[in-house]
Structure formats: C-alpha cells, structure tokens
Amino acid sequence: MTPTLSPTTFEPLTAYDRCDRCGAQGRVRVLLLSGSDLVFCGHHAREYDAKLRDLGVEIIVDETATVS
C-alpha cells in the first residue's frame, strides 16, 4: 500500500494572525516549500508578491478583498 499525504488545510485568518513582517493584522498566508507558513498584511503581501511567486510559494489564504 502506498501512503498518501493529505493536503495541509488552514483555517481562515483571525485577528490573532499577525503579519510576520510588521505585526499588523494578517490578510495573506503563504505556504513555503519547506512546509512552514508566513502571514502578511495586505501591504507586505503586495510588496513581496513577485519575490514569493519566484520562490514557488503557494498562496493558501488571501483575504485582501475583504478589507474595505
């Protein structure tokens, strides 16, 4: 029997999820190739978007559209 890995699931971001760069409320969670995750506010998510995509990260939660 071949073991299968189930995809990692993440809950929606809450007010307790803070940007790993500045501490503001997190709006985007990305999954790194190592399996760890980072949370960014909308500002830093936009600032690092191109670099993160070049690194091959997976954006798993993006709540920037919910901000008015």
N, C-alpha and C. Protein backbone atom coordinates (compact mmCIF):
# COMPACT_ATOMS: atom_id res chain seq x y z
N MET A 1 0.84 -1.17 0.00
CA MET A 1 0.00 0.00 0.00
C MET A 1 0.89 1.24 0.00
N THR A 2 0.59 2.17 -0.85
CA THR A 2 1.37 3.40 -0.96
C THR A 2 0.74 4.48 -0.08
N PRO A 3 1.52 5.04 0.86
CA PRO A 3 0.95 6.10 1.69
C PRO A 3 0.72 7.36 0.87
N THR A 4 -0.34 8.05 1.18
CA THR A 4 -0.62 9.32 0.51
C THR A 4 -0.62 10.43 1.54
N LEU A 5 -0.18 11.57 1.13
CA LEU A 5 -0.18 12.72 2.00
C LEU A 5 -1.46 13.50 1.79
N SER A 6 -2.11 13.82 2.86
CA SER A 6 -3.30 14.66 2.72
C SER A 6 -2.85 16.11 2.66
N PRO A 7 -3.55 16.92 1.89
CA PRO A 7 -3.14 18.32 1.78
C PRO A 7 -3.29 19.03 3.13
N THR A 8 -2.38 19.93 3.39
CA THR A 8 -2.45 20.71 4.61
C THR A 8 -3.58 21.72 4.47
N THR A 9 -4.43 21.78 5.47
CA THR A 9 -5.51 22.76 5.43
C THR A 9 -5.28 23.80 6.51
N PHE A 10 -5.66 25.00 6.23
CA PHE A 10 -5.50 26.10 7.17
C PHE A 10 -6.85 26.76 7.39
N GLU A 11 -7.09 27.13 8.61
CA GLU A 11 -8.30 27.86 8.95
C GLU A 11 -8.21 29.28 8.40
N PRO A 12 -9.35 29.94 8.25
CA PRO A 12 -9.31 31.35 7.84
C PRO A 12 -8.50 32.17 8.85
N LEU A 13 -7.94 33.25 8.39
CA LEU A 13 -7.16 34.11 9.27
C LEU A 13 -8.07 34.78 10.29
N THR A 14 -7.54 35.01 11.48
CA THR A 14 -8.29 35.69 12.53
C THR A 14 -7.55 36.96 12.92
N ALA A 15 -8.13 37.71 13.83
CA ALA A 15 -7.48 38.93 14.32
C ALA A 15 -6.18 38.61 15.05
N TYR A 16 -6.00 37.37 15.47
CA TYR A 16 -4.77 36.97 16.17
C TYR A 16 -3.64 36.64 15.20
N ASP A 17 -3.94 36.44 13.93
CA ASP A 17 -2.90 36.18 12.93
C ASP A 17 -2.29 37.50 12.51
N ARG A 18 -1.01 37.67 12.80
CA ARG A 18 -0.33 38.94 12.58
C ARG A 18 0.70 38.81 11.48
N CYS A 19 0.96 39.91 10.79
CA CYS A 19 1.96 39.96 9.74
C CYS A 19 3.33 39.62 10.32
N ASP A 20 4.03 38.69 9.68
CA ASP A 20 5.36 38.30 10.15
C ASP A 20 6.39 39.39 9.90
N ARG A 21 6.06 40.39 9.15
CA ARG A 21 7.00 41.48 8.85
C ARG A 21 6.81 42.67 9.78
N CYS A 22 5.53 43.06 10.03
CA CYS A 22 5.33 44.30 10.80
C CYS A 22 4.37 44.15 11.98
N GLY A 23 3.67 43.05 12.10
CA GLY A 23 2.76 42.86 13.22
C GLY A 23 1.34 43.34 13.00
N ALA A 24 1.04 43.89 11.82
CA ALA A 24 -0.33 44.31 11.51
C ALA A 24 -1.20 43.06 11.32
N GLN A 25 -2.51 43.25 11.23
CA GLN A 25 -3.40 42.11 11.05
C GLN A 25 -3.08 41.38 9.75
N GLY A 26 -2.95 40.07 9.84
CA GLY A 26 -2.63 39.25 8.67
C GLY A 26 -3.78 39.15 7.70
N ARG A 27 -3.50 39.25 6.43
CA ARG A 27 -4.51 39.13 5.37
C ARG A 27 -4.17 38.04 4.37
N VAL A 28 -2.90 37.61 4.32
CA VAL A 28 -2.47 36.60 3.34
C VAL A 28 -1.57 35.60 4.06
N ARG A 29 -1.84 34.31 3.84
CA ARG A 29 -0.98 33.25 4.37
C ARG A 29 -0.38 32.53 3.17
N VAL A 30 0.93 32.34 3.19
CA VAL A 30 1.61 31.61 2.12
C VAL A 30 2.29 30.38 2.70
N LEU A 31 2.34 29.34 1.91
CA LEU A 31 2.99 28.09 2.31
C LEU A 31 4.32 27.99 1.58
N LEU A 32 5.39 27.91 2.34
CA LEU A 32 6.73 27.81 1.77
C LEU A 32 7.01 26.37 1.35
N LEU A 33 8.00 26.19 0.50
CA LEU A 33 8.36 24.85 0.04
C LEU A 33 8.78 23.95 1.19
N SER A 34 9.29 24.53 2.27
CA SER A 34 9.72 23.76 3.43
C SER A 34 8.55 23.22 4.23
N GLY A 35 7.33 23.73 3.94
CA GLY A 35 6.15 23.31 4.67
C GLY A 35 5.70 24.29 5.74
N SER A 36 6.55 25.25 6.07
CA SER A 36 6.15 26.27 7.04
C SER A 36 5.36 27.36 6.33
N ASP A 37 4.70 28.19 7.12
CA ASP A 37 3.89 29.23 6.51
C ASP A 37 4.28 30.60 7.04
N LEU A 38 3.95 31.62 6.27
CA LEU A 38 4.15 33.01 6.65
C LEU A 38 2.83 33.74 6.48
N VAL A 39 2.62 34.74 7.33
CA VAL A 39 1.42 35.57 7.25
C VAL A 39 1.87 37.00 6.97
N PHE A 40 1.18 37.67 6.05
CA PHE A 40 1.49 39.05 5.72
C PHE A 40 0.24 39.90 5.75
N CYS A 41 0.41 41.17 6.10
CA CYS A 41 -0.66 42.15 5.94
C CYS A 41 -0.80 42.41 4.44
N GLY A 42 -1.83 43.12 4.04
CA GLY A 42 -2.04 43.40 2.62
C GLY A 42 -0.87 44.15 2.01
N HIS A 43 -0.33 45.13 2.74
CA HIS A 43 0.78 45.94 2.24
C HIS A 43 2.00 45.06 1.94
N HIS A 44 2.41 44.24 2.89
CA HIS A 44 3.60 43.42 2.67
C HIS A 44 3.34 42.27 1.71
N ALA A 45 2.11 41.79 1.64
CA ALA A 45 1.78 40.75 0.65
C ALA A 45 1.99 41.31 -0.76
N ARG A 46 1.54 42.54 -0.98
CA ARG A 46 1.74 43.16 -2.30
C ARG A 46 3.22 43.44 -2.54
N GLU A 47 3.92 43.91 -1.52
CA GLU A 47 5.34 44.25 -1.67
C GLU A 47 6.18 43.02 -2.04
N TYR A 48 5.90 41.88 -1.43
CA TYR A 48 6.71 40.68 -1.63
C TYR A 48 6.10 39.69 -2.62
N ASP A 49 4.98 40.02 -3.23
CA ASP A 49 4.27 39.10 -4.11
C ASP A 49 5.16 38.50 -5.19
N ALA A 50 5.84 39.32 -5.96
CA ALA A 50 6.66 38.82 -7.07
C ALA A 50 7.79 37.92 -6.57
N LYS A 51 8.46 38.32 -5.51
CA LYS A 51 9.57 37.54 -4.97
C LYS A 51 9.07 36.19 -4.44
N LEU A 52 7.93 36.20 -3.74
CA LEU A 52 7.39 34.95 -3.22
C LEU A 52 6.99 34.01 -4.34
N ARG A 53 6.38 34.54 -5.39
CA ARG A 53 6.00 33.68 -6.53
C ARG A 53 7.24 33.12 -7.23
N ASP A 54 8.31 33.92 -7.31
CA ASP A 54 9.56 33.42 -7.89
C ASP A 54 10.12 32.25 -7.08
N LEU A 55 9.89 32.28 -5.76
CA LEU A 55 10.37 31.21 -4.88
C LEU A 55 9.48 29.98 -4.94
N GLY A 56 8.33 30.11 -5.58
CA GLY A 56 7.43 28.97 -5.73
C GLY A 56 6.53 28.72 -4.54
N VAL A 57 6.23 29.74 -3.75
CA VAL A 57 5.33 29.54 -2.62
C VAL A 57 3.90 29.39 -3.11
N GLU A 58 3.08 28.82 -2.28
CA GLU A 58 1.66 28.66 -2.58
C GLU A 58 0.88 29.62 -1.70
N ILE A 59 0.07 30.46 -2.31
CA ILE A 59 -0.79 31.36 -1.54
C ILE A 59 -2.02 30.55 -1.16
N ILE A 60 -2.19 30.31 0.14
CA ILE A 60 -3.27 29.43 0.57
C ILE A 60 -4.45 30.17 1.17
N VAL A 61 -4.24 31.37 1.65
CA VAL A 61 -5.34 32.20 2.14
C VAL A 61 -5.06 33.62 1.69
N ASP A 62 -6.01 34.23 1.01
CA ASP A 62 -5.88 35.62 0.59
C ASP A 62 -7.18 36.33 0.91
N GLU A 63 -7.16 37.12 1.96
CA GLU A 63 -8.35 37.83 2.41
C GLU A 63 -8.23 39.33 2.16
N THR A 64 -7.38 39.72 1.22
CA THR A 64 -7.21 41.15 0.96
C THR A 64 -8.47 41.76 0.37
N ALA A 65 -9.28 40.98 -0.31
CA ALA A 65 -10.51 41.51 -0.90
C ALA A 65 -11.58 41.81 0.15
N THR A 66 -11.42 41.28 1.36
CA THR A 66 -12.41 41.51 2.41
C THR A 66 -12.21 42.82 3.14
N VAL A 67 -11.11 43.51 2.86
CA VAL A 67 -10.82 44.78 3.52
C VAL A 67 -11.51 45.89 2.75
N SER A 68 -12.22 46.72 3.48
CA SER A 68 -12.91 47.83 2.79
C SER A 68 -12.16 49.12 2.95
